[in-house]
PDB file of N, CA and C in Angstrom:
ATOM      1  N   MET A   1       0.843  -1.167   0.000  1.00  0.00           N
ATOM      2  CA  MET A   1       0.000   0.000   0.000  1.00  0.00           C
ATOM      3  C   MET A   1       0.894   1.238   0.000  1.00  0.00           C
ATOM      4  N   ALA A   2       0.641   2.152  -0.898  1.00  0.00           N
ATOM      5  CA  ALA A   2       1.462   3.364  -1.013  1.00  0.00           C
ATOM      6  C   ALA A   2       0.738   4.561  -0.398  1.00  0.00           C
ATOM      7  N   TYR A   3       1.517   5.442   0.194  1.00  0.00           N
ATOM      8  CA  TYR A   3       0.984   6.656   0.804  1.00  0.00           C
ATOM      9  C   TYR A   3       1.850   7.834   0.388  1.00  0.00           C
ATOM     10  N   ASP A   4       1.252   9.017   0.331  1.00  0.00           N
ATOM     11  CA  ASP A   4       2.019  10.249   0.179  1.00  0.00           C
ATOM     12  C   ASP A   4       2.226  10.800   1.583  1.00  0.00           C
ATOM     13  N   ILE A   5       3.478  10.941   1.993  1.00  0.00           N
ATOM     14  CA  ILE A   5       3.789  11.397   3.347  1.00  0.00           C
ATOM     15  C   ILE A   5       4.615  12.671   3.253  1.00  0.00           C
ATOM     16  N   PHE A   6       4.239  13.668   4.052  1.00  0.00           N
ATOM     17  CA  PHE A   6       4.932  14.946   4.073  1.00  0.00           C
ATOM     18  C   PHE A   6       5.293  15.289   5.507  1.00  0.00           C
ATOM     19  N   LEU A   7       6.417  15.963   5.673  1.00  0.00           N
ATOM     20  CA  LEU A   7       6.916  16.348   6.987  1.00  0.00           C
ATOM     21  C   LEU A   7       6.995  17.867   7.047  1.00  0.00           C
ATOM     22  N   LYS A   8       6.414  18.443   8.092  1.00  0.00           N
ATOM     23  CA  LYS A   8       6.441  19.898   8.263  1.00  0.00           C
ATOM     24  C   LYS A   8       7.211  20.219   9.539  1.00  0.00           C
ATOM     25  N   ILE A   9       8.305  20.987   9.384  1.00  0.00           N
ATOM     26  CA  ILE A   9       9.124  21.400  10.522  1.00  0.00           C
ATOM     27  C   ILE A   9       9.192  22.923  10.504  1.00  0.00           C
ATOM     28  N   ASP A  10       8.773  23.555  11.597  1.00  0.00           N
ATOM     29  CA  ASP A  10       8.805  25.019  11.675  1.00  0.00           C
ATOM     30  C   ASP A  10      10.203  25.543  11.395  1.00  0.00           C
ATOM     31  N   GLY A  11      10.302  26.528  10.498  1.00  0.00           N
ATOM     32  CA  GLY A  11      11.574  27.164  10.183  1.00  0.00           C
ATOM     33  C   GLY A  11      12.369  26.477   9.088  1.00  0.00           C
ATOM     34  N   ILE A  12      11.887  25.334   8.610  1.00  0.00           N
ATOM     35  CA  ILE A  12      12.593  24.614   7.544  1.00  0.00           C
ATOM     36  C   ILE A  12      11.641  24.424   6.370  1.00  0.00           C
ATOM     37  N   ASP A  13      12.008  24.965   5.206  1.00  0.00           N
ATOM     38  CA  ASP A  13      11.191  24.806   4.006  1.00  0.00           C
ATOM     39  C   ASP A  13      11.629  23.576   3.233  1.00  0.00           C
ATOM     40  N   GLY A  14      10.648  22.793   2.804  1.00  0.00           N
ATOM     41  CA  GLY A  14      10.913  21.645   1.950  1.00  0.00           C
ATOM     42  C   GLY A  14      10.699  22.030   0.499  1.00  0.00           C
ATOM     43  N   GLU A  15      10.756  21.044  -0.383  1.00  0.00           N
ATOM     44  CA  GLU A  15      10.646  21.298  -1.814  1.00  0.00           C
ATOM     45  C   GLU A  15       9.349  20.777  -2.415  1.00  0.00           C
ATOM     46  N   SER A  16       8.385  20.369  -1.592  1.00  0.00           N
ATOM     47  CA  SER A  16       7.148  19.805  -2.116  1.00  0.00           C
ATOM     48  C   SER A  16       6.390  20.830  -2.951  1.00  0.00           C
ATOM     49  N   MET A  17       5.871  20.359  -4.079  1.00  0.00           N
ATOM     50  CA  MET A  17       5.053  21.201  -4.952  1.00  0.00           C
ATOM     51  C   MET A  17       3.584  20.798  -4.867  1.00  0.00           C
ATOM     52  N   ASP A  18       3.261  19.860  -3.992  1.00  0.00           N
ATOM     53  CA  ASP A  18       1.886  19.401  -3.814  1.00  0.00           C
ATOM     54  C   ASP A  18       1.025  20.570  -3.346  1.00  0.00           C
ATOM     55  N   ASP A  19      -0.152  20.741  -3.952  1.00  0.00           N
ATOM     56  CA  ASP A  19      -1.024  21.875  -3.627  1.00  0.00           C
ATOM     57  C   ASP A  19      -1.384  21.954  -2.143  1.00  0.00           C
ATOM     58  N   LYS A  20      -1.557  20.822  -1.498  1.00  0.00           N
ATOM     59  CA  LYS A  20      -1.951  20.808  -0.090  1.00  0.00           C
ATOM     60  C   LYS A  20      -0.754  20.801   0.858  1.00  0.00           C
ATOM     61  N   HIS A  21       0.456  20.666   0.316  1.00  0.00           N
ATOM     62  CA  HIS A  21       1.650  20.541   1.161  1.00  0.00           C
ATOM     63  C   HIS A  21       2.808  21.380   0.625  1.00  0.00           C
ATOM     64  N   LYS A  22       2.522  22.594   0.192  1.00  0.00           N
ATOM     65  CA  LYS A  22       3.563  23.475  -0.352  1.00  0.00           C
ATOM     66  C   LYS A  22       4.672  23.692   0.666  1.00  0.00           C
ATOM     67  N   ASN A  23       5.909  23.613   0.192  1.00  0.00           N
ATOM     68  CA  ASN A  23       7.110  23.863   0.997  1.00  0.00           C
ATOM     69  C   ASN A  23       7.304  22.904   2.168  1.00  0.00           C
ATOM     70  N   GLU A  24       6.607  21.782   2.147  1.00  0.00           N
ATOM     71  CA  GLU A  24       6.858  20.757   3.153  1.00  0.00           C
ATOM     72  C   GLU A  24       7.866  19.760   2.588  1.00  0.00           C
ATOM     73  N   ILE A  25       8.384  18.917   3.435  1.00  0.00           N
ATOM     74  CA  ILE A  25       9.375  17.925   3.030  1.00  0.00           C
ATOM     75  C   ILE A  25       8.639  16.654   2.608  1.00  0.00           C
ATOM     76  N   GLU A  26       8.897  16.205   1.389  1.00  0.00           N
ATOM     77  CA  GLU A  26       8.279  14.979   0.903  1.00  0.00           C
ATOM     78  C   GLU A  26       9.096  13.780   1.391  1.00  0.00           C
ATOM     79  N   VAL A  27       8.438  12.891   2.120  1.00  0.00           N
ATOM     80  CA  VAL A  27       9.109  11.703   2.645  1.00  0.00           C
ATOM     81  C   VAL A  27       9.151  10.653   1.535  1.00  0.00           C
ATOM     82  N   LEU A  28      10.347  10.248   1.155  1.00  0.00           N
ATOM     83  CA  LEU A  28      10.514   9.287   0.070  1.00  0.00           C
ATOM     84  C   LEU A  28      10.551   7.851   0.571  1.00  0.00           C
ATOM     85  N   SER A  29      10.944   7.667   1.825  1.00  0.00           N
ATOM     86  CA  SER A  29      11.039   6.319   2.371  1.00  0.00           C
ATOM     87  C   SER A  29      10.720   6.367   3.858  1.00  0.00           C
ATOM     88  N   TRP A  30      10.000   5.362   4.332  1.00  0.00           N
ATOM     89  CA  TRP A  30       9.651   5.264   5.742  1.00  0.00           C
ATOM     90  C   TRP A  30       9.719   3.795   6.125  1.00  0.00           C
ATOM     91  N   ARG A  31      10.347   3.509   7.233  1.00  0.00           N
ATOM     92  CA  ARG A  31      10.459   2.130   7.687  1.00  0.00           C
ATOM     93  C   ARG A  31      10.117   2.062   9.164  1.00  0.00           C
ATOM     94  N   TRP A  32       9.326   1.093   9.530  1.00  0.00           N
ATOM     95  CA  TRP A  32       8.888   0.935  10.906  1.00  0.00           C
ATOM     96  C   TRP A  32       9.072  -0.532  11.286  1.00  0.00           C
ATOM     97  N   ASN A  33       9.841  -0.787  12.310  1.00  0.00           N
ATOM     98  CA  ASN A  33      10.063  -2.150  12.782  1.00  0.00           C
ATOM     99  C   ASN A  33       9.662  -2.276  14.238  1.00  0.00           C
ATOM    100  N   ILE A  34       9.084  -3.397  14.559  1.00  0.00           N
ATOM    101  CA  ILE A  34       8.787  -3.733  15.947  1.00  0.00           C
ATOM    102  C   ILE A  34       9.434  -5.086  16.215  1.00  0.00           C
ATOM    103  N   HIS A  35      10.165  -5.163  17.294  1.00  0.00           N
ATOM    104  CA  HIS A  35      10.854  -6.407  17.629  1.00  0.00           C
ATOM    105  C   HIS A  35      10.593  -6.712  19.093  1.00  0.00           C
ATOM    106  N   GLN A  36      10.180  -7.919  19.355  1.00  0.00           N
ATOM    107  CA  GLN A  36       9.927  -8.321  20.733  1.00  0.00           C
ATOM    108  C   GLN A  36      10.787  -9.534  21.056  1.00  0.00           C
ATOM    109  N   GLU A  37      11.616  -9.386  22.061  1.00  0.00           N
ATOM    110  CA  GLU A  37      12.438 -10.503  22.511  1.00  0.00           C
ATOM    111  C   GLU A  37      11.533 -11.537  23.178  1.00  0.00           C
ATOM    112  N   SER A  38      11.808 -12.792  22.926  1.00  0.00           N
ATOM    113  CA  SER A  38      11.039 -13.840  23.586  1.00  0.00           C
ATOM    114  C   SER A  38      11.977 -14.969  23.990  1.00  0.00           C
ATOM    115  N   THR A  39      11.532 -15.737  24.941  1.00  0.00           N
ATOM    116  CA  THR A  39      12.297 -16.903  25.370  1.00  0.00           C
ATOM    117  C   THR A  39      11.410 -18.128  25.227  1.00  0.00           C
ATOM    118  N   MET A  40      12.046 -19.253  25.007  1.00  0.00           N
ATOM    119  CA  MET A  40      11.299 -20.502  24.898  1.00  0.00           C
ATOM    120  C   MET A  40      11.523 -21.303  26.176  1.00  0.00           C
ATOM    121  N   HIS A  41      10.450 -21.721  26.787  1.00  0.00           N
ATOM    122  CA  HIS A  41      10.522 -22.525  28.005  1.00  0.00           C
ATOM    123  C   HIS A  41      10.044 -23.933  27.692  1.00  0.00           C
ATOM    124  N   ALA A  42      10.713 -24.909  28.278  1.00  0.00           N
ATOM    125  CA  ALA A  42      10.322 -26.313  28.044  1.00  0.00           C
ATOM    126  C   ALA A  42       9.328 -26.755  29.091  1.00  0.00           C
TER     127      ALA A  42
END
């Protein structure tokens, strides 16, 4: 599933030309990992 993601940081202008997100930063890649340590009991 693809999404358009934009980042807005006060005082920093991005290069987005999107009508709803002018001067915001266009996020080109996003990665989210969750890792849970587990143990095996006999």
